[in-house]
Amino acid sequence: MHWTWENCPMAVAGQHKAKEKKPTKVLEAVADYKLRIWHYNFGSSGSLNDLNMQDQSPVFDALLRGDATTIHFEINADGIYPNWPVLVKLIEKPLGLTYQPFGRMQEACCKDVERCSGVLQAQWCIPDTPCRLWGATAMETVMKACVILHNMIVEDESAFATTDPHSYLVDAAC
């Protein structure tokens, strides 16, 4: 997700411009189907493509060093990424009964991340509006607050969903 940086200093504006034609900062996130953001990296310049983002990602750095988490995870990727065991490449046209369920599941996982990005934008409206802050550190602080508050809301709503959904109603007989 790109966040437009309206007051980007002219000295660094060129390295933050990409297809958007305006300076942007990029949010890279790992989310699950419940919309919880497990990892995020914000602050890379908008001119980076996916492979350059991968080179700067702390998740991939930890994988290469062998310091990665012991939690089993996969990352959806397309054909341009290297053949690493943690990267699951997209099957564009799954043929046969064995590949079709996998293709549907992988497509659903991609939609989870897109849905999480949409919910984050809808909740705070911050990534939708151009940032007027002057410093990149201040932008990172705002985005960190958005992610933390988003996760708190997701956790609160999931705790509510595990109990009786009507437990908040007051008994009218009392």
Protein backbone atom coordinates (compact mmCIF):
# COMPACT_ATOMS: atom_id res chain seq x y z
CA MET A 1 0.00 0.00 0.00
CA HIS A 2 1.42 3.37 -1.02
CA TRP A 3 0.92 6.47 1.13
CA THR A 4 1.43 9.72 -0.79
CA TRP A 5 3.92 12.07 0.86
CA GLU A 6 2.71 15.57 -0.03
CA ASN A 7 5.44 17.51 1.83
CA CYS A 8 8.35 15.31 0.80
CA PRO A 9 11.59 17.32 0.76
CA MET A 10 12.68 18.05 -2.81
CA ALA A 11 16.13 16.57 -2.13
CA VAL A 12 14.67 13.06 -1.75
CA ALA A 13 11.46 13.39 -3.80
CA GLY A 14 12.95 11.70 -6.87
CA GLN A 15 13.78 8.47 -5.08
CA HIS A 16 10.23 8.23 -3.71
CA LYS A 17 8.40 8.70 -7.03
CA ALA A 18 7.15 5.73 -9.02
CA LYS A 19 4.12 5.07 -11.19
CA GLU A 20 2.06 7.36 -8.95
CA LYS A 21 4.14 10.36 -10.15
CA LYS A 22 4.11 11.67 -6.58
CA PRO A 23 6.44 10.77 -3.71
CA THR A 24 5.13 7.82 -1.70
CA LYS A 25 6.14 5.56 1.18
CA VAL A 26 5.24 1.87 1.06
CA LEU A 27 3.58 -0.33 3.69
CA GLU A 28 4.46 -4.01 3.40
CA ALA A 29 2.26 -6.21 5.59
CA VAL A 30 1.67 -9.87 6.45
CA ALA A 31 -1.92 -10.50 7.51
CA ASP A 32 -4.09 -13.52 8.20
CA TYR A 33 -7.70 -14.27 7.32
CA LYS A 34 -8.90 -12.64 10.56
CA LEU A 35 -7.28 -9.36 9.38
CA ARG A 36 -4.61 -9.41 12.09
CA ILE A 37 -1.35 -7.86 10.88
CA TRP A 38 1.50 -10.10 12.03
CA HIS A 39 4.32 -8.16 10.44
CA TYR A 40 4.62 -4.80 8.78
CA ASN A 41 7.43 -2.77 7.32
CA PHE A 42 6.79 0.87 6.53
CA GLY A 43 9.11 3.48 5.16
CA SER A 44 10.55 2.10 1.95
CA SER A 45 10.47 4.56 -0.91
CA GLY A 46 7.67 4.29 -3.43
CA SER A 47 10.07 3.84 -6.32
CA LEU A 48 11.00 0.31 -5.22
CA ASN A 49 9.55 -2.66 -7.05
CA ASP A 50 8.63 -5.96 -5.38
CA LEU A 51 12.11 -7.47 -5.64
CA ASN A 52 13.77 -4.37 -4.19
CA MET A 53 11.22 -4.41 -1.37
CA GLN A 54 12.15 -8.03 -0.72
CA ASP A 55 15.82 -7.05 -0.44
CA GLN A 56 14.97 -4.50 2.28
CA SER A 57 12.41 -6.62 4.12
CA PRO A 58 13.31 -7.68 7.68
CA VAL A 59 11.35 -10.92 7.18
CA PHE A 60 13.53 -12.03 4.28
CA ASP A 61 16.69 -10.81 6.02
CA ALA A 62 15.84 -13.02 9.01
CA LEU A 63 15.17 -15.95 6.69
CA LEU A 64 18.53 -15.57 4.99
CA ARG A 65 20.38 -15.26 8.31
CA GLY A 66 18.51 -18.24 9.77
CA ASP A 67 16.97 -16.11 12.54
CA ALA A 68 13.40 -16.45 11.29
CA THR A 69 10.54 -17.28 13.57
CA THR A 70 9.75 -20.90 14.33
CA ILE A 71 6.15 -20.34 13.25
CA HIS A 72 5.36 -22.12 9.99
CA PHE A 73 4.37 -19.64 7.29
CA GLU A 74 4.33 -19.21 3.55
CA ILE A 75 4.34 -16.06 1.49
CA ASN A 76 2.38 -15.81 -1.75
CA ALA A 77 4.56 -14.74 -4.64
CA ASP A 78 4.49 -14.56 -8.40
CA GLY A 79 7.00 -15.75 -10.98
CA ILE A 80 9.61 -13.01 -10.53
CA TYR A 81 10.62 -14.11 -7.04
CA PRO A 82 13.46 -16.57 -6.38
CA ASN A 83 12.75 -20.25 -5.71
CA TRP A 84 12.79 -20.25 -1.91
CA PRO A 85 10.88 -22.82 0.13
CA VAL A 86 8.95 -20.13 2.01
CA LEU A 87 7.65 -18.55 -1.23
CA VAL A 88 4.58 -20.20 -2.72
CA LYS A 89 4.29 -19.29 -6.39
CA LEU A 90 0.93 -18.57 -7.92
CA ILE A 91 -0.62 -21.17 -10.21
CA GLU A 92 -2.24 -18.91 -12.79
CA LYS A 93 -4.53 -21.48 -14.42
CA PRO A 94 -4.81 -24.51 -12.14
CA LEU A 95 -5.69 -27.58 -14.16
CA GLY A 96 -6.97 -30.79 -12.68
CA LEU A 97 -8.68 -31.64 -9.44
CA THR A 98 -5.45 -31.57 -7.42
CA TYR A 99 -4.44 -28.01 -8.36
CA GLN A 100 -7.84 -26.29 -8.33
CA PRO A 101 -8.38 -26.33 -4.53
CA PHE A 102 -4.82 -25.08 -4.02
CA GLY A 103 -5.39 -22.28 -6.52
CA ARG A 104 -8.62 -21.24 -4.80
CA MET A 105 -6.96 -21.27 -1.38
CA GLN A 106 -4.01 -19.23 -2.60
CA GLU A 107 -6.32 -16.71 -4.25
CA ALA A 108 -8.26 -16.41 -0.98
CA CYS A 109 -5.02 -15.69 0.90
CA CYS A 110 -4.14 -12.92 -1.55
CA LYS A 111 -7.60 -11.44 -1.06
CA ASP A 112 -7.11 -11.53 2.73
CA VAL A 113 -4.13 -9.17 2.46
CA GLU A 114 -6.01 -6.89 0.06
CA ARG A 115 -9.04 -6.92 2.37
CA CYS A 116 -6.83 -6.06 5.35
CA SER A 117 -5.35 -3.15 3.41
CA GLY A 118 -8.83 -1.93 2.52
CA VAL A 119 -10.03 -2.20 6.12
CA LEU A 120 -6.94 -0.31 7.35
CA GLN A 121 -7.61 2.47 4.85
CA ALA A 122 -11.33 2.59 5.67
CA GLN A 123 -10.79 2.62 9.45
CA TRP A 124 -8.38 5.51 9.61
CA CYS A 125 -8.59 7.29 6.23
CA ILE A 126 -4.95 8.16 6.84
CA PRO A 127 -3.38 6.16 4.01
CA ASP A 128 -6.04 7.49 1.61
CA THR A 129 -5.24 11.15 2.19
CA PRO A 130 -1.83 12.57 1.26
CA CYS A 131 0.51 12.92 4.24
CA ARG A 132 1.36 16.50 5.14
CA LEU A 133 4.08 15.64 7.62
CA TRP A 134 7.60 16.79 6.81
CA GLY A 135 9.58 13.98 8.37
CA ALA A 136 9.68 10.31 7.42
CA THR A 137 10.01 9.34 11.09
CA ALA A 138 6.72 11.06 11.91
CA MET A 139 5.04 9.17 9.05
CA GLU A 140 6.38 5.88 10.42
CA THR A 141 5.02 6.73 13.88
CA VAL A 142 1.56 7.47 12.48
CA MET A 143 1.51 4.25 10.44
CA LYS A 144 2.71 2.23 13.45
CA ALA A 145 -0.13 3.70 15.52
CA CYS A 146 -2.63 2.78 12.79
CA VAL A 147 -1.39 -0.83 12.67
CA ILE A 148 -1.39 -1.19 16.47
CA LEU A 149 -4.90 0.27 16.81
CA HIS A 150 -6.10 -1.90 13.92
CA ASN A 151 -4.77 -5.04 15.64
CA MET A 152 -6.36 -3.98 18.94
CA ILE A 153 -9.74 -3.59 17.23
CA VAL A 154 -9.37 -6.94 15.44
CA GLU A 155 -8.46 -8.68 18.70
CA ASP A 156 -11.30 -7.03 20.59
CA GLU A 157 -13.81 -8.01 17.92
CA SER A 158 -12.51 -11.58 17.72
CA ALA A 159 -12.80 -11.95 21.51
CA PHE A 160 -16.37 -10.72 21.24
CA ALA A 161 -17.11 -13.12 18.37
CA THR A 162 -16.03 -16.18 20.39
CA THR A 163 -18.64 -15.50 23.07
CA ASP A 164 -22.39 -15.34 22.67
CA PRO A 165 -23.01 -12.63 20.06
CA HIS A 166 -26.06 -11.43 21.96
CA SER A 167 -24.40 -11.22 25.37
CA TYR A 168 -24.36 -7.42 25.25
CA LEU A 169 -28.16 -7.23 25.12
CA VAL A 170 -29.89 -6.31 28.36
CA ASP A 171 -32.55 -8.76 29.50
CA ALA A 172 -35.84 -6.88 29.17
CA ALA A 173 -37.48 -9.00 31.87
CA CYS A 174 -35.29 -7.52 34.63
